């Protein structure tokens, strides 16, 4: 996988709570989704329903770039770092903190996916 889940920072504080990802190779962050998952008693991702997911918008990223997903509402932005890399900031728009109640699972969606129209 070309993006790694580095950390969850300030869990429980909605204003500062965020998931930090870092690109290990050039890619498009739009190929990834972050799942908010239930955990087993041993702290692993439980099978079954996924309460929520955040699918990142299409955005080319370079090796070493950071992608930060805040739980709160906000306006997506980016910031160039002194080292030449870029940090991308996204906002999930949730009303309450999510971590550590849930566990985060980063999923690479790949290029093949389908969608369904509502049944009428």
Protein backbone atom coordinates (compact mmCIF):
# COMPACT_ATOMS: atom_id res chain seq x y z
CA UNK A 1 0.00 0.00 0.00
CA UNK A 2 1.33 3.45 -0.89
CA UNK A 3 -0.25 5.29 2.04
CA UNK A 4 0.27 4.36 5.68
CA UNK A 5 -1.89 5.12 8.68
CA UNK A 6 0.59 6.83 11.01
CA UNK A 7 -1.47 7.82 14.05
CA UNK A 8 -4.67 9.05 15.60
CA UNK A 9 -3.96 12.29 17.45
CA UNK A 10 -5.88 13.93 20.32
CA UNK A 11 -8.52 11.18 20.49
CA UNK A 12 -11.66 12.33 22.30
CA UNK A 13 -11.10 16.07 21.64
CA UNK A 14 -13.35 16.93 18.67
CA UNK A 15 -11.54 20.21 17.91
CA UNK A 16 -8.13 18.52 17.57
CA UNK A 17 -8.95 14.85 16.89
CA UNK A 18 -7.42 13.69 13.61
CA UNK A 19 -6.09 10.69 11.72
CA UNK A 20 -2.63 11.18 10.21
CA UNK A 21 -1.60 9.37 7.02
CA UNK A 22 1.66 9.56 5.06
CA UNK A 23 2.40 8.68 1.45
CA UNK A 24 5.16 6.10 0.99
CA UNK A 25 5.05 6.50 -2.81
CA UNK A 26 3.44 8.89 -5.30
CA UNK A 27 -0.27 8.10 -5.70
CA UNK A 28 -3.79 9.55 -5.64
CA UNK A 29 -5.38 9.75 -2.18
CA UNK A 30 -8.78 9.40 -3.90
CA UNK A 31 -8.03 5.67 -4.21
CA UNK A 32 -8.30 5.32 -0.41
CA UNK A 33 -11.07 5.28 2.17
CA UNK A 34 -10.91 5.33 5.94
CA UNK A 35 -13.40 3.05 7.68
CA UNK A 36 -14.66 3.70 11.20
CA UNK A 37 -14.95 0.16 12.54
CA UNK A 38 -16.11 -1.65 15.63
CA UNK A 39 -13.44 -3.60 17.49
CA UNK A 40 -13.24 -7.00 19.05
CA UNK A 41 -12.38 -7.40 22.72
CA UNK A 42 -8.77 -7.83 21.57
CA UNK A 43 -8.74 -4.46 19.76
CA UNK A 44 -8.88 -5.84 16.22
CA UNK A 45 -11.30 -4.80 13.47
CA UNK A 46 -14.56 -6.69 13.93
CA UNK A 47 -16.35 -8.16 10.95
CA UNK A 48 -19.84 -6.99 10.16
CA UNK A 49 -21.24 -3.54 9.63
CA UNK A 50 -19.04 -0.48 9.20
CA UNK A 51 -20.67 2.49 10.97
CA UNK A 52 -19.08 5.10 8.67
CA UNK A 53 -16.46 5.61 6.00
CA UNK A 54 -14.64 8.63 4.57
CA UNK A 55 -13.60 8.32 0.94
CA UNK A 56 -10.89 10.83 0.15
CA UNK A 57 -11.38 13.11 -2.87
CA UNK A 58 -9.12 12.71 -5.89
CA UNK A 59 -5.80 14.43 -5.21
CA UNK A 60 -2.35 13.50 -6.45
CA UNK A 61 0.08 13.10 -3.57
CA UNK A 62 3.85 12.62 -3.51
CA UNK A 63 6.05 10.35 -1.42
CA UNK A 64 6.44 11.93 2.04
CA UNK A 65 3.27 14.05 1.86
CA UNK A 66 0.94 13.99 4.85
CA UNK A 67 -2.83 13.56 4.67
CA UNK A 68 -4.70 14.64 7.80
CA UNK A 69 -8.38 13.84 8.36
CA UNK A 70 -10.05 15.84 11.14
CA UNK A 71 -13.23 14.41 12.68
CA UNK A 72 -14.85 17.87 12.91
CA UNK A 73 -16.28 20.11 10.20
CA UNK A 74 -14.01 22.46 8.28
CA UNK A 75 -12.78 23.51 4.87
CA UNK A 76 -10.35 21.22 3.03
CA UNK A 77 -6.95 22.83 2.48
CA UNK A 78 -3.30 22.14 1.81
CA UNK A 79 -0.04 23.59 3.06
CA UNK A 80 3.46 23.39 1.59
CA UNK A 81 6.12 22.42 4.09
CA UNK A 82 9.63 23.82 4.40
CA UNK A 83 11.02 20.50 3.12
CA UNK A 84 9.06 20.78 -0.16
CA UNK A 85 6.37 18.29 0.82
CA UNK A 86 2.68 19.07 1.16
CA UNK A 87 0.20 18.40 3.95
CA UNK A 88 -3.44 17.95 2.89
CA UNK A 89 -6.18 18.63 5.43
CA UNK A 90 -9.64 17.08 5.15
CA UNK A 91 -12.69 17.31 7.43
CA UNK A 92 -15.20 14.51 8.04
CA UNK A 93 -17.94 16.79 9.41
CA UNK A 94 -18.79 14.63 12.42
CA UNK A 95 -20.51 16.06 15.50
CA UNK A 96 -18.65 14.04 18.15
CA UNK A 97 -15.19 12.50 18.61
CA UNK A 98 -14.77 8.99 17.19
CA UNK A 99 -11.51 7.66 18.59
CA UNK A 100 -10.81 5.55 20.63
CA UNK A 101 -14.45 4.34 20.68
CA UNK A 102 -13.87 2.96 17.18
CA UNK A 103 -10.81 1.72 15.32
CA UNK A 104 -9.62 3.17 12.00
CA UNK A 105 -8.98 0.95 8.98
CA UNK A 106 -7.36 2.43 5.87
CA UNK A 107 -8.55 0.69 2.72
CA UNK A 108 -7.16 0.94 -0.81
CA UNK A 109 -10.18 0.94 -3.11
CA UNK A 110 -8.33 0.08 -6.29
CA UNK A 111 -9.51 0.98 -9.75
CA UNK A 112 -12.44 -1.42 -10.07
CA UNK A 113 -15.62 -0.52 -8.23
CA UNK A 114 -19.26 -0.19 -9.07
CA UNK A 115 -22.21 1.74 -7.81
CA UNK A 116 -25.88 0.99 -7.89
CA UNK A 117 -28.82 3.26 -8.62
CA UNK A 118 -31.66 3.19 -6.08
CA UNK A 119 -34.33 0.61 -6.83
CA UNK A 120 -37.59 2.28 -7.88
